Amino acid sequence: MSTFKLSPLKKLEIILAGEHREFATGLLDRADVKGYTIVGNLSGKGSQGFYGGHLMFNEDDALIMIIVAVSSNLVDALLEGFQPFFEAHSGVIFVSDIQVVRPVKFMA
């Protein structure tokens, strides 16, 4: 039985309105992030109360979460890039330590 070698990375979970998807993915692309996953139609409860994740007219009207795994040396630059956005718009970024198999898939 083979054992996988795990490598440490950071996971960012970026939650924001779908209408700002291009801003967020553009920032990630400019930072040379190799890939990300976008989950749409989110619902939950936050400081503004409950938010139902239904699609009204299009995906821009729902919350999305962009999940990205990056090396720790890229986290500060990404957070700095998102800071002005979150000063003017609602949303949040969660940062956590993770372990991945095949780190080459996540490195630029």
PDB file of N, CA and C in Angstrom:
ATOM      1  N   MET A   1       0.845  -1.185   0.000  1.00  0.00           N
ATOM      2  CA  MET A   1       0.000   0.000   0.000  1.00  0.00           C
ATOM      3  C   MET A   1       0.885   1.241   0.000  1.00  0.00           C
ATOM      4  N   SER A   2       0.613   2.170  -0.921  1.00  0.00           N
ATOM      5  CA  SER A   2       1.429   3.384  -0.985  1.00  0.00           C
ATOM      6  C   SER A   2       0.858   4.449  -0.062  1.00  0.00           C
ATOM      7  N   THR A   3       1.754   5.274   0.432  1.00  0.00           N
ATOM      8  CA  THR A   3       1.322   6.371   1.293  1.00  0.00           C
ATOM      9  C   THR A   3       1.555   7.684   0.556  1.00  0.00           C
ATOM     10  N   PHE A   4       0.588   8.557   0.681  1.00  0.00           N
ATOM     11  CA  PHE A   4       0.710   9.868   0.058  1.00  0.00           C
ATOM     12  C   PHE A   4       1.520  10.784   0.955  1.00  0.00           C
ATOM     13  N   LYS A   5       2.368  11.591   0.341  1.00  0.00           N
ATOM     14  CA  LYS A   5       3.077  12.621   1.075  1.00  0.00           C
ATOM     15  C   LYS A   5       2.215  13.875   1.063  1.00  0.00           C
ATOM     16  N   LEU A   6       1.969  14.424   2.228  1.00  0.00           N
ATOM     17  CA  LEU A   6       1.161  15.631   2.353  1.00  0.00           C
ATOM     18  C   LEU A   6       2.048  16.865   2.416  1.00  0.00           C
ATOM     19  N   SER A   7       1.587  17.928   1.783  1.00  0.00           N
ATOM     20  CA  SER A   7       2.325  19.191   1.779  1.00  0.00           C
ATOM     21  C   SER A   7       1.418  20.296   2.314  1.00  0.00           C
ATOM     22  N   PRO A   8       1.975  21.198   3.121  1.00  0.00           N
ATOM     23  CA  PRO A   8       1.147  22.265   3.713  1.00  0.00           C
ATOM     24  C   PRO A   8       0.867  23.393   2.721  1.00  0.00           C
ATOM     25  N   LEU A   9      -0.369  23.846   2.716  1.00  0.00           N
ATOM     26  CA  LEU A   9      -0.785  25.021   1.955  1.00  0.00           C
ATOM     27  C   LEU A   9      -1.801  25.792   2.791  1.00  0.00           C
ATOM     28  N   LYS A  10      -2.258  26.908   2.282  1.00  0.00           N
ATOM     29  CA  LYS A  10      -3.316  27.694   2.916  1.00  0.00           C
ATOM     30  C   LYS A  10      -4.550  27.635   2.021  1.00  0.00           C
ATOM     31  N   LYS A  11      -5.706  27.534   2.644  1.00  0.00           N
ATOM     32  CA  LYS A  11      -6.962  27.554   1.897  1.00  0.00           C
ATOM     33  C   LYS A  11      -7.678  28.864   2.182  1.00  0.00           C
ATOM     34  N   LEU A  12      -8.068  29.552   1.129  1.00  0.00           N
ATOM     35  CA  LEU A  12      -8.888  30.756   1.245  1.00  0.00           C
ATOM     36  C   LEU A  12     -10.278  30.410   0.749  1.00  0.00           C
ATOM     37  N   GLU A  13     -11.281  30.754   1.557  1.00  0.00           N
ATOM     38  CA  GLU A  13     -12.677  30.622   1.167  1.00  0.00           C
ATOM     39  C   GLU A  13     -13.228  32.041   1.113  1.00  0.00           C
ATOM     40  N   ILE A  14     -13.450  32.513  -0.084  1.00  0.00           N
ATOM     41  CA  ILE A  14     -13.846  33.894  -0.323  1.00  0.00           C
ATOM     42  C   ILE A  14     -15.346  33.907  -0.622  1.00  0.00           C
ATOM     43  N   ILE A  15     -16.115  34.540   0.244  1.00  0.00           N
ATOM     44  CA  ILE A  15     -17.564  34.598   0.053  1.00  0.00           C
ATOM     45  C   ILE A  15     -17.952  36.034  -0.272  1.00  0.00           C
ATOM     46  N   LEU A  16     -18.662  36.191  -1.392  1.00  0.00           N
ATOM     47  CA  LEU A  16     -19.085  37.513  -1.839  1.00  0.00           C
ATOM     48  C   LEU A  16     -20.262  37.373  -2.789  1.00  0.00           C
ATOM     49  N   ALA A  17     -20.851  38.494  -3.150  1.00  0.00           N
ATOM     50  CA  ALA A  17     -21.982  38.483  -4.076  1.00  0.00           C
ATOM     51  C   ALA A  17     -21.509  38.048  -5.463  1.00  0.00           C
ATOM     52  N   GLY A  18     -22.339  37.269  -6.133  1.00  0.00           N
ATOM     53  CA  GLY A  18     -21.992  36.767  -7.454  1.00  0.00           C
ATOM     54  C   GLY A  18     -21.674  37.856  -8.465  1.00  0.00           C
ATOM     55  N   GLU A  19     -22.251  39.027  -8.271  1.00  0.00           N
ATOM     56  CA  GLU A  19     -21.986  40.130  -9.194  1.00  0.00           C
ATOM     57  C   GLU A  19     -20.518  40.574  -9.159  1.00  0.00           C
ATOM     58  N   HIS A  20     -19.779  40.181  -8.115  1.00  0.00           N
ATOM     59  CA  HIS A  20     -18.365  40.568  -7.991  1.00  0.00           C
ATOM     60  C   HIS A  20     -17.409  39.430  -8.349  1.00  0.00           C
ATOM     61  N   ARG A  21     -17.950  38.402  -8.967  1.00  0.00           N
ATOM     62  CA  ARG A  21     -17.150  37.234  -9.341  1.00  0.00           C
ATOM     63  C   ARG A  21     -15.948  37.611 -10.211  1.00  0.00           C
ATOM     64  N   GLU A  22     -16.169  38.424 -11.230  1.00  0.00           N
ATOM     65  CA  GLU A  22     -15.071  38.778 -12.143  1.00  0.00           C
ATOM     66  C   GLU A  22     -13.975  39.565 -11.437  1.00  0.00           C
ATOM     67  N   PHE A  23     -14.347  40.436 -10.502  1.00  0.00           N
ATOM     68  CA  PHE A  23     -13.328  41.149  -9.732  1.00  0.00           C
ATOM     69  C   PHE A  23     -12.446  40.152  -8.978  1.00  0.00           C
ATOM     70  N   ALA A  24     -13.088  39.222  -8.259  1.00  0.00           N
ATOM     71  CA  ALA A  24     -12.344  38.269  -7.431  1.00  0.00           C
ATOM     72  C   ALA A  24     -11.479  37.337  -8.278  1.00  0.00           C
ATOM     73  N   THR A  25     -12.050  36.776  -9.329  1.00  0.00           N
ATOM     74  CA  THR A  25     -11.265  35.851 -10.155  1.00  0.00           C
ATOM     75  C   THR A  25     -10.168  36.597 -10.905  1.00  0.00           C
ATOM     76  N   GLY A  26     -10.420  37.840 -11.272  1.00  0.00           N
ATOM     77  CA  GLY A  26      -9.376  38.643 -11.914  1.00  0.00           C
ATOM     78  C   GLY A  26      -8.203  38.887 -10.987  1.00  0.00           C
ATOM     79  N   LEU A  27      -8.507  39.194  -9.728  1.00  0.00           N
ATOM     80  CA  LEU A  27      -7.444  39.400  -8.744  1.00  0.00           C
ATOM     81  C   LEU A  27      -6.635  38.108  -8.567  1.00  0.00           C
ATOM     82  N   LEU A  28      -7.322  36.979  -8.471  1.00  0.00           N
ATOM     83  CA  LEU A  28      -6.632  35.693  -8.321  1.00  0.00           C
ATOM     84  C   LEU A  28      -5.787  35.387  -9.557  1.00  0.00           C
ATOM     85  N   ASP A  29      -6.315  35.651 -10.738  1.00  0.00           N
ATOM     86  CA  ASP A  29      -5.562  35.399 -11.971  1.00  0.00           C
ATOM     87  C   ASP A  29      -4.318  36.282 -12.051  1.00  0.00           C
ATOM     88  N   ARG A  30      -4.460  37.550 -11.678  1.00  0.00           N
ATOM     89  CA  ARG A  30      -3.301  38.458 -11.705  1.00  0.00           C
ATOM     90  C   ARG A  30      -2.236  38.049 -10.694  1.00  0.00           C
ATOM     91  N   ALA A  31      -2.644  37.363  -9.624  1.00  0.00           N
ATOM     92  CA  ALA A  31      -1.687  36.887  -8.609  1.00  0.00           C
ATOM     93  C   ALA A  31      -1.079  35.541  -9.015  1.00  0.00           C
ATOM     94  N   ASP A  32      -1.401  35.081 -10.216  1.00  0.00           N
ATOM     95  CA  ASP A  32      -0.901  33.804 -10.742  1.00  0.00           C
ATOM     96  C   ASP A  32      -1.346  32.598  -9.930  1.00  0.00           C
ATOM     97  N   VAL A  33      -2.547  32.687  -9.327  1.00  0.00           N
ATOM     98  CA  VAL A  33      -3.127  31.518  -8.667  1.00  0.00           C
ATOM     99  C   VAL A  33      -3.435  30.506  -9.761  1.00  0.00           C
ATOM    100  N   LYS A  34      -3.036  29.263  -9.547  1.00  0.00           N
ATOM    101  CA  LYS A  34      -3.134  28.261 -10.608  1.00  0.00           C
ATOM    102  C   LYS A  34      -4.566  27.803 -10.870  1.00  0.00           C
ATOM    103  N   GLY A  35      -5.417  27.812  -9.874  1.00  0.00           N
ATOM    104  CA  GLY A  35      -6.794  27.384 -10.073  1.00  0.00           C
ATOM    105  C   GLY A  35      -7.641  27.682  -8.856  1.00  0.00           C
ATOM    106  N   TYR A  36      -8.939  27.563  -9.020  1.00  0.00           N
ATOM    107  CA  TYR A  36      -9.877  27.790  -7.926  1.00  0.00           C
ATOM    108  C   TYR A  36     -11.181  27.096  -8.251  1.00  0.00           C
ATOM    109  N   THR A  37     -12.001  26.929  -7.233  1.00  0.00           N
ATOM    110  CA  THR A  37     -13.323  26.340  -7.380  1.00  0.00           C
ATOM    111  C   THR A  37     -14.347  27.377  -6.966  1.00  0.00           C
ATOM    112  N   ILE A  38     -15.407  27.505  -7.757  1.00  0.00           N
ATOM    113  CA  ILE A  38     -16.474  28.460  -7.440  1.00  0.00           C
ATOM    114  C   ILE A  38     -17.743  27.675  -7.121  1.00  0.00           C
ATOM    115  N   VAL A  39     -18.277  27.930  -5.934  1.00  0.00           N
ATOM    116  CA  VAL A  39     -19.523  27.305  -5.503  1.00  0.00           C
ATOM    117  C   VAL A  39     -20.582  28.399  -5.463  1.00  0.00           C
ATOM    118  N   GLY A  40     -21.690  28.190  -6.142  1.00  0.00           N
ATOM    119  CA  GLY A  40     -22.713  29.218  -6.234  1.00  0.00           C
ATOM    120  C   GLY A  40     -23.931  28.921  -5.387  1.00  0.00           C
ATOM    121  N   ASN A  41     -24.829  29.908  -5.349  1.00  0.00           N
ATOM    122  CA  ASN A  41     -26.131  29.747  -4.719  1.00  0.00           C
ATOM    123  C   ASN A  41     -26.036  29.416  -3.227  1.00  0.00           C
ATOM    124  N   LEU A  42     -25.217  30.160  -2.504  1.00  0.00           N
ATOM    125  CA  LEU A  42     -25.012  29.921  -1.076  1.00  0.00           C
ATOM    126  C   LEU A  42     -26.147  30.504  -0.244  1.00  0.00           C
ATOM    127  N   SER A  43     -26.365  29.906   0.905  1.00  0.00           N
ATOM    128  CA  SER A  43     -27.279  30.470   1.888  1.00  0.00           C
ATOM    129  C   SER A  43     -26.640  30.330   3.258  1.00  0.00           C
ATOM    130  N   GLY A  44     -27.080  31.151   4.196  1.00  0.00           N
ATOM    131  CA  GLY A  44     -26.527  31.090   5.540  1.00  0.00           C
ATOM    132  C   GLY A  44     -26.963  32.275   6.365  1.00  0.00           C
ATOM    133  N   LYS A  45     -26.376  32.383   7.537  1.00  0.00           N
ATOM    134  CA  LYS A  45     -26.715  33.468   8.443  1.00  0.00           C
ATOM    135  C   LYS A  45     -25.453  34.208   8.838  1.00  0.00           C
ATOM    136  N   GLY A  46     -25.512  35.525   8.787  1.00  0.00           N
ATOM    137  CA  GLY A  46     -24.379  36.360   9.159  1.00  0.00           C
ATOM    138  C   GLY A  46     -24.847  37.566   9.941  1.00  0.00           C
ATOM    139  N   SER A  47     -24.023  38.590   9.957  1.00  0.00           N
ATOM    140  CA  SER A  47     -24.343  39.791  10.746  1.00  0.00           C
ATOM    141  C   SER A  47     -25.587  40.509  10.223  1.00  0.00           C
ATOM    142  N   GLN A  48     -25.919  40.300   8.966  1.00  0.00           N
ATOM    143  CA  GLN A  48     -27.104  40.932   8.375  1.00  0.00           C
ATOM    144  C   GLN A  48     -28.345  40.040   8.479  1.00  0.00           C
ATOM    145  N   GLY A  49     -28.233  38.899   9.168  1.00  0.00           N
ATOM    146  CA  GLY A  49     -29.352  37.973   9.274  1.00  0.00           C
ATOM    147  C   GLY A  49     -29.234  36.833   8.286  1.00  0.00           C
ATOM    148  N   PHE A  50     -30.329  36.129   8.054  1.00  0.00           N
ATOM    149  CA  PHE A  50     -30.333  34.974   7.164  1.00  0.00           C
ATOM    150  C   PHE A  50     -30.360  35.423   5.710  1.00  0.00           C
ATOM    151  N   TYR A  51     -29.570  34.737   4.894  1.00  0.00           N
ATOM    152  CA  TYR A  51     -29.542  35.009   3.466  1.00  0.00           C
ATOM    153  C   TYR A  51     -29.905  33.722   2.745  1.00  0.00           C
ATOM    154  N   GLY A  52     -31.035  33.725   2.047  1.00  0.00           N
ATOM    155  CA  GLY A  52     -31.472  32.553   1.292  1.00  0.00           C
ATOM    156  C   GLY A  52     -30.768  32.497  -0.042  1.00  0.00           C
ATOM    157  N   GLY A  53     -30.241  31.350  -0.377  1.00  0.00           N
ATOM    158  CA  GLY A  53     -29.452  31.208  -1.594  1.00  0.00           C
ATOM    159  C   GLY A  53     -30.262  30.795  -2.788  1.00  0.00           C
ATOM    160  N   HIS A  54     -31.242  31.560  -3.157  1.00  0.00           N
ATOM    161  CA  HIS A  54     -32.039  31.221  -4.325  1.00  0.00           C
ATOM    162  C   HIS A  54     -31.649  32.125  -5.495  1.00  0.00           C
ATOM    163  N   LEU A  55     -31.780  31.591  -6.665  1.00  0.00           N
ATOM    164  CA  LEU A  55     -31.489  32.388  -7.851  1.00  0.00           C
ATOM    165  C   LEU A  55     -32.733  33.173  -8.231  1.00  0.00           C
ATOM    166  N   MET A  56     -32.613  34.470  -8.198  1.00  0.00           N
ATOM    167  CA  MET A  56     -33.757  35.314  -8.561  1.00  0.00           C
ATOM    168  C   MET A  56     -33.835  35.436 -10.090  1.00  0.00           C
ATOM    169  N   PHE A  57     -32.883  36.128 -10.661  1.00  0.00           N
ATOM    170  CA  PHE A  57     -32.903  36.348 -12.104  1.00  0.00           C
ATOM    171  C   PHE A  57     -31.658  35.765 -12.771  1.00  0.00           C
ATOM    172  N   ASN A  58     -30.562  35.771 -12.045  1.00  0.00           N
ATOM    173  CA  ASN A  58     -29.326  35.197 -12.572  1.00  0.00           C
ATOM    174  C   ASN A  58     -28.377  34.929 -11.409  1.00  0.00           C
ATOM    175  N   GLU A  59     -27.231  34.356 -11.704  1.00  0.00           N
ATOM    176  CA  GLU A  59     -26.275  33.989 -10.651  1.00  0.00           C
ATOM    177  C   GLU A  59     -25.681  35.202  -9.949  1.00  0.00           C
ATOM    178  N   ASP A  60     -25.769  36.378 -10.540  1.00  0.00           N
ATOM    179  CA  ASP A  60     -25.226  37.579  -9.910  1.00  0.00           C
ATOM    180  C   ASP A  60     -25.994  37.953  -8.652  1.00  0.00           C
ATOM    181  N   ASP A  61     -27.241  37.496  -8.529  1.00  0.00           N
ATOM    182  CA  ASP A  61     -28.075  37.837  -7.380  1.00  0.00           C
ATOM    183  C   ASP A  61     -27.866  36.922  -6.183  1.00  0.00           C
ATOM    184  N   ALA A  62     -26.991  35.930  -6.296  1.00  0.00           N
ATOM    185  CA  ALA A  62     -26.753  34.977  -5.207  1.00  0.00           C
ATOM    186  C   ALA A  62     -25.321  35.116  -4.698  1.00  0.00           C
ATOM    187  N   LEU A  63     -25.092  34.650  -3.471  1.00  0.00           N
ATOM    188  CA  LEU A  63     -23.737  34.615  -2.936  1.00  0.00           C
ATOM    189  C   LEU A  63     -22.966  33.460  -3.556  1.00  0.00           C
ATOM    190  N   ILE A  64     -21.659  33.658  -3.712  1.00  0.00           N
ATOM    191  CA  ILE A  64     -20.772  32.599  -4.185  1.00  0.00           C
ATOM    192  C   ILE A  64     -19.616  32.440  -3.207  1.00  0.00           C
ATOM    193  N   MET A  65     -18.964  31.283  -3.282  1.00  0.00           N
ATOM    194  CA  MET A  65     -17.738  31.052  -2.525  1.00  0.00           C
ATOM    195  C   MET A  65     -16.674  30.587  -3.511  1.00  0.00           C
ATOM    196  N   ILE A  66     -15.536  31.245  -3.457  1.00  0.00           N
ATOM    197  CA  ILE A  66     -14.398  30.857  -4.282  1.00  0.00           C
ATOM    198  C   ILE A  66     -13.385  30.213  -3.336  1.00  0.00           C
ATOM    199  N   ILE A  67     -13.031  28.972  -3.638  1.00  0.00           N
ATOM    200  CA  ILE A  67     -12.095  28.216  -2.808  1.00  0.00           C
ATOM    201  C   ILE A  67     -10.772  28.110  -3.553  1.00  0.00           C
ATOM    202  N   VAL A  68      -9.703  28.473  -2.873  1.00  0.00           N
ATOM    203  CA  VAL A  68      -8.388  28.451  -3.503  1.00  0.00           C
ATOM    204  C   VAL A  68      -7.351  27.940  -2.504  1.00  0.00           C
ATOM    205  N   ALA A  69      -6.419  27.145  -2.988  1.00  0.00           N
ATOM    206  CA  ALA A  69      -5.297  26.663  -2.174  1.00  0.00           C
ATOM    207  C   ALA A  69      -4.021  27.300  -2.708  1.00  0.00           C
ATOM    208  N   VAL A  70      -3.289  27.954  -1.818  1.00  0.00           N
ATOM    209  CA  VAL A  70      -2.081  28.679  -2.226  1.00  0.00           C
ATOM    210  C   VAL A  70      -0.970  28.470  -1.202  1.00  0.00           C
ATOM    211  N   SER A  71       0.246  28.796  -1.608  1.00  0.00           N
ATOM    212  CA  SER A  71       1.358  28.749  -0.659  1.00  0.00           C
ATOM    213  C   SER A  71       1.197  29.896   0.338  1.00  0.00           C
ATOM    214  N   SER A  72       1.760  29.708   1.508  1.00  0.00           N
ATOM    215  CA  SER A  72       1.587  30.702   2.579  1.00  0.00           C
ATOM    216  C   SER A  72       2.170  32.064   2.209  1.00  0.00           C
ATOM    217  N   ASN A  73       3.184  32.091   1.349  1.00  0.00           N
ATOM    218  CA  ASN A  73       3.791  33.385   0.999  1.00  0.00           C
ATOM    219  C   ASN A  73       2.911  34.225   0.077  1.00  0.00           C
ATOM    220  N   LEU A  74       1.813  33.674  -0.438  1.00  0.00           N
ATOM    221  CA  LEU A  74       0.908  34.422  -1.306  1.00  0.00           C
ATOM    222  C   LEU A  74      -0.299  34.986  -0.555  1.00  0.00           C
ATOM    223  N   VAL A  75      -0.553  34.489   0.645  1.00  0.00           N
ATOM    224  CA  VAL A  75      -1.760  34.868   1.388  1.00  0.00           C
ATOM    225  C   VAL A  75      -1.813  36.361   1.691  1.00  0.00           C
ATOM    226  N   ASP A  76      -0.753  36.933   2.218  1.00  0.00           N
ATOM    227  CA  ASP A  76      -0.769  38.354   2.586  1.00  0.00           C
ATOM    228  C   ASP A  76      -1.056  39.248   1.385  1.00  0.00           C
ATOM    229  N   ALA A  77      -0.456  38.945   0.249  1.00  0.00           N
ATOM    230  CA  ALA A  77      -0.683  39.750  -0.949  1.00  0.00           C
ATOM    231  C   ALA A  77      -2.145  39.650  -1.402  1.00  0.00           C
ATOM    232  N   LEU A  78      -2.722  38.460  -1.341  1.00  0.00           N
ATOM    233  CA  LEU A  78      -4.123  38.302  -1.728  1.00  0.00           C
ATOM    234  C   LEU A  78      -5.044  39.053  -0.776  1.00  0.00           C
ATOM    235  N   LEU A  79      -4.791  38.931   0.523  1.00  0.00           N
ATOM    236  CA  LEU A  79      -5.623  39.649   1.498  1.00  0.00           C
ATOM    237  C   LEU A  79      -5.512  41.157   1.296  1.00  0.00           C
ATOM    238  N   GLU A  80      -4.309  41.633   0.996  1.00  0.00           N
ATOM    239  CA  GLU A  80      -4.114  43.063   0.738  1.00  0.00           C
ATOM    240  C   GLU A  80      -4.888  43.495  -0.507  1.00  0.00           C
ATOM    241  N   GLY A  81      -4.916  42.645  -1.523  1.00  0.00           N
ATOM    242  CA  GLY A  81      -5.659  42.961  -2.733  1.00  0.00           C
ATOM    243  C   GLY A  81      -7.159  43.012  -2.507  1.00  0.00           C
ATOM    244  N   PHE A  82      -7.674  42.160  -1.618  1.00  0.00           N
ATOM    245  CA  PHE A  82      -9.105  42.126  -1.340  1.00  0.00           C
ATOM    246  C   PHE A  82      -9.543  43.179  -0.321  1.00  0.00           C
ATOM    247  N   GLN A  83      -8.618  43.717   0.474  1.00  0.00           N
ATOM    248  CA  GLN A  83      -8.987  44.629   1.558  1.00  0.00           C
ATOM    249  C   GLN A  83      -9.834  45.815   1.103  1.00  0.00           C
ATOM    250  N   PRO A  84      -9.437  46.554   0.064  1.00  0.00           N
ATOM    251  CA  PRO A  84     -10.283  47.691  -0.347  1.00  0.00           C
ATOM    252  C   PRO A  84     -11.681  47.249  -0.794  1.00  0.00           C
ATOM    253  N   PHE A  85     -11.773  46.096  -1.412  1.00  0.00           N
ATOM    254  CA  PHE A  85     -13.076  45.590  -1.843  1.00  0.00           C
ATOM    255  C   PHE A  85     -13.991  45.357  -0.651  1.00  0.00           C
ATOM    256  N   PHE A  86     -13.474  44.676   0.375  1.00  0.00           N
ATOM    257  CA  PHE A  86     -14.302  44.355   1.531  1.00  0.00           C
ATOM    258  C   PHE A  86     -14.568  45.553   2.437  1.00  0.00           C
ATOM    259  N   GLU A  87     -13.853  46.634   2.244  1.00  0.00           N
ATOM    260  CA  GLU A  87     -14.187  47.868   2.956  1.00  0.00           C
ATOM    261  C   GLU A  87     -15.431  48.521   2.357  1.00  0.00           C
ATOM    262  N   ALA A  88     -15.732  48.190   1.091  1.00  0.00           N
ATOM    263  CA  ALA A  88     -16.869  48.796   0.408  1.00  0.00           C
ATOM    264  C   ALA A  88     -18.021  47.823   0.145  1.00  0.00           C
ATOM    265  N   HIS A  89     -17.781  46.516   0.264  1.00  0.00           N
ATOM    266  CA  HIS A  89     -18.791  45.508  -0.056  1.00  0.00           C
ATOM    267  C   HIS A  89     -18.876  44.471   1.054  1.00  0.00           C
ATOM    268  N   SER A  90     -20.002  43.774   1.095  1.00  0.00           N
ATOM    269  CA  SER A  90     -20.144  42.716   2.096  1.00  0.00           C
ATOM    270  C   SER A  90     -19.430  41.451   1.620  1.00  0.00           C
ATOM    271  N   GLY A  91     -19.126  40.591   2.561  1.00  0.00           N
ATOM    272  CA  GLY A  91     -18.445  39.332   2.273  1.00  0.00           C
ATOM    273  C   GLY A  91     -17.405  39.041   3.323  1.00  0.00           C
ATOM    274  N   VAL A  92     -16.701  37.953   3.131  1.00  0.00           N
ATOM    275  CA  VAL A  92     -15.708  37.528   4.114  1.00  0.00           C
ATOM    276  C   VAL A  92     -14.694  36.606   3.444  1.00  0.00           C
ATOM    277  N   ILE A  93     -13.515  36.514   4.038  1.00  0.00           N
ATOM    278  CA  ILE A  93     -12.512  35.533   3.604  1.00  0.00           C
ATOM    279  C   ILE A  93     -12.096  34.732   4.825  1.00  0.00           C
ATOM    280  N   PHE A  94     -12.176  33.412   4.706  1.00  0.00           N
ATOM    281  CA  PHE A  94     -11.677  32.512   5.732  1.00  0.00           C
ATOM    282  C   PHE A  94     -10.336  31.970   5.260  1.00  0.00           C
ATOM    283  N   VAL A  95      -9.346  31.926   6.156  1.00  0.00           N
ATOM    284  CA  VAL A  95      -8.029  31.390   5.832  1.00  0.00           C
ATOM    285  C   VAL A  95      -7.744  30.259   6.800  1.00  0.00           C
ATOM    286  N   SER A  96      -7.356  29.111   6.265  1.00  0.00           N
ATOM    287  CA  SER A  96      -7.058  27.968   7.132  1.00  0.00           C
ATOM    288  C   SER A  96      -5.863  27.195   6.596  1.00  0.00           C
ATOM    289  N   ASP A  97      -5.225  26.469   7.502  1.00  0.00           N
ATOM    290  CA  ASP A  97      -4.115  25.593   7.140  1.00  0.00           C
ATOM    291  C   ASP A  97      -4.677  24.282   6.615  1.00  0.00           C
ATOM    292  N   ILE A  98      -4.114  23.818   5.505  1.00  0.00           N
ATOM    293  CA  ILE A  98      -4.539  22.544   4.943  1.00  0.00           C
ATOM    294  C   ILE A  98      -3.321  21.718   4.554  1.00  0.00           C
ATOM    295  N   GLN A  99      -3.552  20.463   4.274  1.00  0.00           N
ATOM    296  CA  GLN A  99      -2.535  19.550   3.752  1.00  0.00           C
ATOM    297  C   GLN A  99      -3.051  19.016   2.425  1.00  0.00           C
ATOM    298  N   VAL A 100      -2.218  18.994   1.400  1.00  0.00           N
ATOM    299  CA  VAL A 100      -2.647  18.515   0.096  1.00  0.00           C
ATOM    300  C   VAL A 100      -1.719  17.427  -0.425  1.00  0.00           C
ATOM    301  N   VAL A 101      -2.286  16.585  -1.249  1.00  0.00           N
ATOM    302  CA  VAL A 101      -1.526  15.616  -2.025  1.00  0.00           C
ATOM    303  C   VAL A 101      -1.299  16.263  -3.389  1.00  0.00           C
ATOM    304  N   ARG A 102      -0.180  16.028  -4.001  1.00  0.00           N
ATOM    305  CA  ARG A 102       0.145  16.596  -5.319  1.00  0.00           C
ATOM    306  C   ARG A 102       0.188  18.127  -5.278  1.00  0.00           C
ATOM    307  N   PRO A 103       1.076  18.721  -4.492  1.00  0.00           N
ATOM    308  CA  PRO A 103       1.132  20.178  -4.389  1.00  0.00           C
ATOM    309  C   PRO A 103       1.444  20.868  -5.709  1.00  0.00           C
ATOM    310  N   VAL A 104       2.016  20.167  -6.654  1.00  0.00           N
ATOM    311  CA  VAL A 104       2.330  20.765  -7.955  1.00  0.00           C
ATOM    312  C   VAL A 104       1.058  21.278  -8.643  1.00  0.00           C
ATOM    313  N   LYS A 105      -0.092  20.724  -8.312  1.00  0.00           N
ATOM    314  CA  LYS A 105      -1.364  21.167  -8.884  1.00  0.00           C
ATOM    315  C   LYS A 105      -1.746  22.572  -8.414  1.00  0.00           C
ATOM    316  N   PHE A 106      -1.132  23.036  -7.328  1.00  0.00           N
ATOM    317  CA  PHE A 106      -1.541  24.309  -6.730  1.00  0.00           C
ATOM    318  C   PHE A 106      -0.472  25.394  -6.848  1.00  0.00           C
ATOM    319  N   MET A 107       0.685  25.036  -7.310  1.00  0.00           N
ATOM    320  CA  MET A 107       1.791  25.993  -7.369  1.00  0.00           C
ATOM    321  C   MET A 107       1.899  26.599  -8.770  1.00  0.00           C
ATOM    322  N   ALA A 108       2.087  27.918  -8.812  1.00  0.00           N
ATOM    323  CA  ALA A 108       2.192  28.609 -10.107  1.00  0.00           C
ATOM    324  C   ALA A 108       3.571  28.392 -10.698  1.00  0.00           C
TER     325      ALA A 108
END
